[in-house]
C-alpha atoms as a PDB file:
ATOM      1  CA  MET A   1       9.545  13.358   4.003  1.00  0.00           C
ATOM      2  CA  ALA A   2      11.894  14.777   1.307  1.00  0.00           C
ATOM      3  CA  ASP A   3      14.731  14.672   3.253  1.00  0.00           C
ATOM      4  CA  MET A   4      14.198  10.691   3.551  1.00  0.00           C
ATOM      5  CA  LYS A   5      13.924   9.996   0.000  1.00  0.00           C
ATOM      6  CA  GLN A   6      16.931  12.307  -0.829  1.00  0.00           C
ATOM      7  CA  GLU A   7      19.004  10.038   1.646  1.00  0.00           C
ATOM      8  CA  VAL A   8      18.048   7.153   0.064  1.00  0.00           C
ATOM      9  CA  LYS A   9      18.714   7.786  -3.275  1.00  0.00           C
ATOM     10  CA  ASN A  10      22.271   8.862  -1.547  1.00  0.00           C
ATOM     11  CA  ILE A  11      22.607   5.382  -0.409  1.00  0.00           C
ATOM     12  CA  ASP A  12      21.564   4.178  -3.740  1.00  0.00           C
ATOM     13  CA  GLU A  13      24.036   5.890  -5.690  1.00  0.00           C
ATOM     14  CA  GLN A  14      26.845   4.779  -3.248  1.00  0.00           C
ATOM     15  CA  GLN A  15      25.653   1.152  -3.508  1.00  0.00           C
ATOM     16  CA  SER A  16      24.905   0.885  -6.767  1.00  0.00           C
ATOM     17  CA  PHE A  17      29.044   2.958  -7.063  1.00  0.00           C
ATOM     18  CA  ALA A  18      30.613   0.414  -5.020  1.00  0.00           C
ATOM     19  CA  VAL A  19      28.848  -2.682  -6.530  1.00  0.00           C
ATOM     20  CA  SER A  20      29.655  -1.396 -10.360  1.00  0.00           C
ATOM     21  CA  ASN A  21      33.786  -0.801  -9.525  1.00  0.00           C
ATOM     22  CA  GLN A  22      34.021  -3.996  -8.489  1.00  0.00           C
ATOM     23  CA  SER A  23      35.457  -6.493 -10.925  1.00  0.00           C
ATOM     24  CA  ASP A  24      33.291  -9.440 -12.443  1.00  0.00           C
ATOM     25  CA  PRO A  25      33.933 -12.529  -9.767  1.00  0.00           C
ATOM     26  CA  LYS A  26      35.965 -14.903 -11.664  1.00  0.00           C
ATOM     27  CA  ASN A  27      35.748 -17.779  -8.969  1.00  0.00           C
ATOM     28  CA  LEU A  28      33.931 -18.889  -6.287  1.00  0.00           C
ATOM     29  CA  GLN A  29      36.379 -17.568  -3.758  1.00  0.00           C
ATOM     30  CA  GLU A  30      35.430 -13.774  -5.249  1.00  0.00           C
ATOM     31  CA  LEU A  31      31.386 -14.318  -5.968  1.00  0.00           C
ATOM     32  CA  THR A  32      31.206 -15.099  -2.265  1.00  0.00           C
ATOM     33  CA  GLN A  33      33.618 -11.833  -1.360  1.00  0.00           C
ATOM     34  CA  TYR A  34      30.900  -9.813  -3.895  1.00  0.00           C
ATOM     35  CA  ILE A  35      27.946 -11.537  -2.277  1.00  0.00           C
ATOM     36  CA  GLN A  36      29.503 -10.734   0.917  1.00  0.00           C
ATOM     37  CA  THR A  37      30.131  -7.366   0.311  1.00  0.00           C
ATOM     38  CA  LEU A  38      26.351  -6.777  -1.628  1.00  0.00           C
ATOM     39  CA  LEU A  39      24.406  -7.634   1.926  1.00  0.00           C
ATOM     40  CA  GLN A  40      26.540  -6.083   3.964  1.00  0.00           C
ATOM     41  CA  GLN A  41      25.414  -2.864   2.128  1.00  0.00           C
ATOM     42  CA  THR A  42      21.883  -3.798   1.547  1.00  0.00           C
ATOM     43  CA  GLN A  43      22.630  -4.295   5.718  1.00  0.00           C
ATOM     44  CA  ASP A  44      23.662  -0.692   6.338  1.00  0.00           C
ATOM     45  CA  LYS A  45      21.192   0.724   3.626  1.00  0.00           C
ATOM     46  CA  PHE A  46      18.306  -1.732   6.036  1.00  0.00           C
ATOM     47  CA  GLN A  47      19.673  -0.066   9.331  1.00  0.00           C
ATOM     48  CA  ALA A  48      19.940   3.223   8.242  1.00  0.00           C
ATOM     49  CA  MET A  49      16.427   3.798   6.869  1.00  0.00           C
ATOM     50  CA  SER A  50      15.298   1.882  10.332  1.00  0.00           C
ATOM     51  CA  GLU A  51      17.145   4.175  12.292  1.00  0.00           C
ATOM     52  CA  GLN A  52      15.750   7.370  10.161  1.00  0.00           C
ATOM     53  CA  ILE A  53      12.051   5.918  10.849  1.00  0.00           C
ATOM     54  CA  ILE A  54      12.458   5.822  14.248  1.00  0.00           C
ATOM     55  CA  THR A  55      14.108   9.369  14.921  1.00  0.00           C
ATOM     56  CA  ARG A  56      10.987  10.535  13.104  1.00  0.00           C
ATOM     57  CA  ILE A  57       8.975   8.864  15.124  1.00  0.00           C
ATOM     58  CA  ASP A  58      10.473   9.957  18.392  1.00  0.00           C
ATOM     59  CA  GLU A  59       9.951  13.281  16.205  1.00  0.00           C
ATOM     60  CA  MET A  60       5.963  13.043  15.997  1.00  0.00           C
ATOM     61  CA  GLY A  61       5.414  11.448  19.172  1.00  0.00           C
ATOM     62  CA  THR A  62       6.789  14.511  20.609  1.00  0.00           C
ATOM     63  CA  ARG A  63       4.809  16.795  18.164  1.00  0.00           C
ATOM     64  CA  ILE A  64       1.850  14.661  19.177  1.00  0.00           C
ATOM     65  CA  ASP A  65       2.663  15.537  22.872  1.00  0.00           C
ATOM     66  CA  ASP A  66       2.945  19.666  22.517  1.00  0.00           C
ATOM     67  CA  LEU A  67       0.175  19.529  20.593  1.00  0.00           C
ATOM     68  CA  GLU A  68      -2.074  17.721  23.005  1.00  0.00           C
ATOM     69  CA  LYS A  69      -0.608  20.177  25.652  1.00  0.00           C
ATOM     70  CA  ASN A  70      -1.224  23.152  23.701  1.00  0.00           C
ATOM     71  CA  ILE A  71      -4.818  22.393  22.739  1.00  0.00           C
ATOM     72  CA  SER A  72      -5.485  21.490  26.637  1.00  0.00           C
ATOM     73  CA  ASP A  73      -3.651  24.739  27.861  1.00  0.00           C
ATOM     74  CA  LEU A  74      -6.210  26.601  25.323  1.00  0.00           C
ATOM     75  CA  MET A  75      -9.433  24.690  26.603  1.00  0.00           C
ATOM     76  CA  THR A  76      -8.383  25.912  30.322  1.00  0.00           C
ATOM     77  CA  GLN A  77      -7.998  29.252  28.831  1.00  0.00           C
ATOM     78  CA  ALA A  78     -11.640  29.389  27.096  1.00  0.00           C
ATOM     79  CA  GLY A  79     -12.707  27.679  29.947  1.00  0.00           C
ATOM     80  CA  VAL A  80     -13.254  24.720  28.861  1.00  0.00           C
ATOM     81  CA  GLU A  81     -12.950  21.905  30.533  1.00  0.00           C
ATOM     82  CA  GLY A  82     -11.096  18.689  28.981  1.00  0.00           C
ATOM     83  CA  PRO A  83     -11.744  15.007  28.758  1.00  0.00           C
ATOM     84  CA  ASP A  84     -10.279  13.195  31.813  1.00  0.00           C
ATOM     85  CA  LYS A  85      -7.693  10.993  31.677  1.00  0.00           C
END
């Protein structure tokens, strides 16, 4: 969880730096480019966060499967029958 917060913070800092390095738009074309850049950065940030969330969900699913198997093995060793699936 702390890793994800740190990565989000890093992305925020990168985005802030990129936006602050651009001069204020002086005409419609510069404003359009500025907004497109900002939207692209936001989309990239959202995509990175989505991928992190999906990865974490997959990891949790694997851990749950392992935990279920370990519990089943322990129940078998203890001579207790588990619920039928």
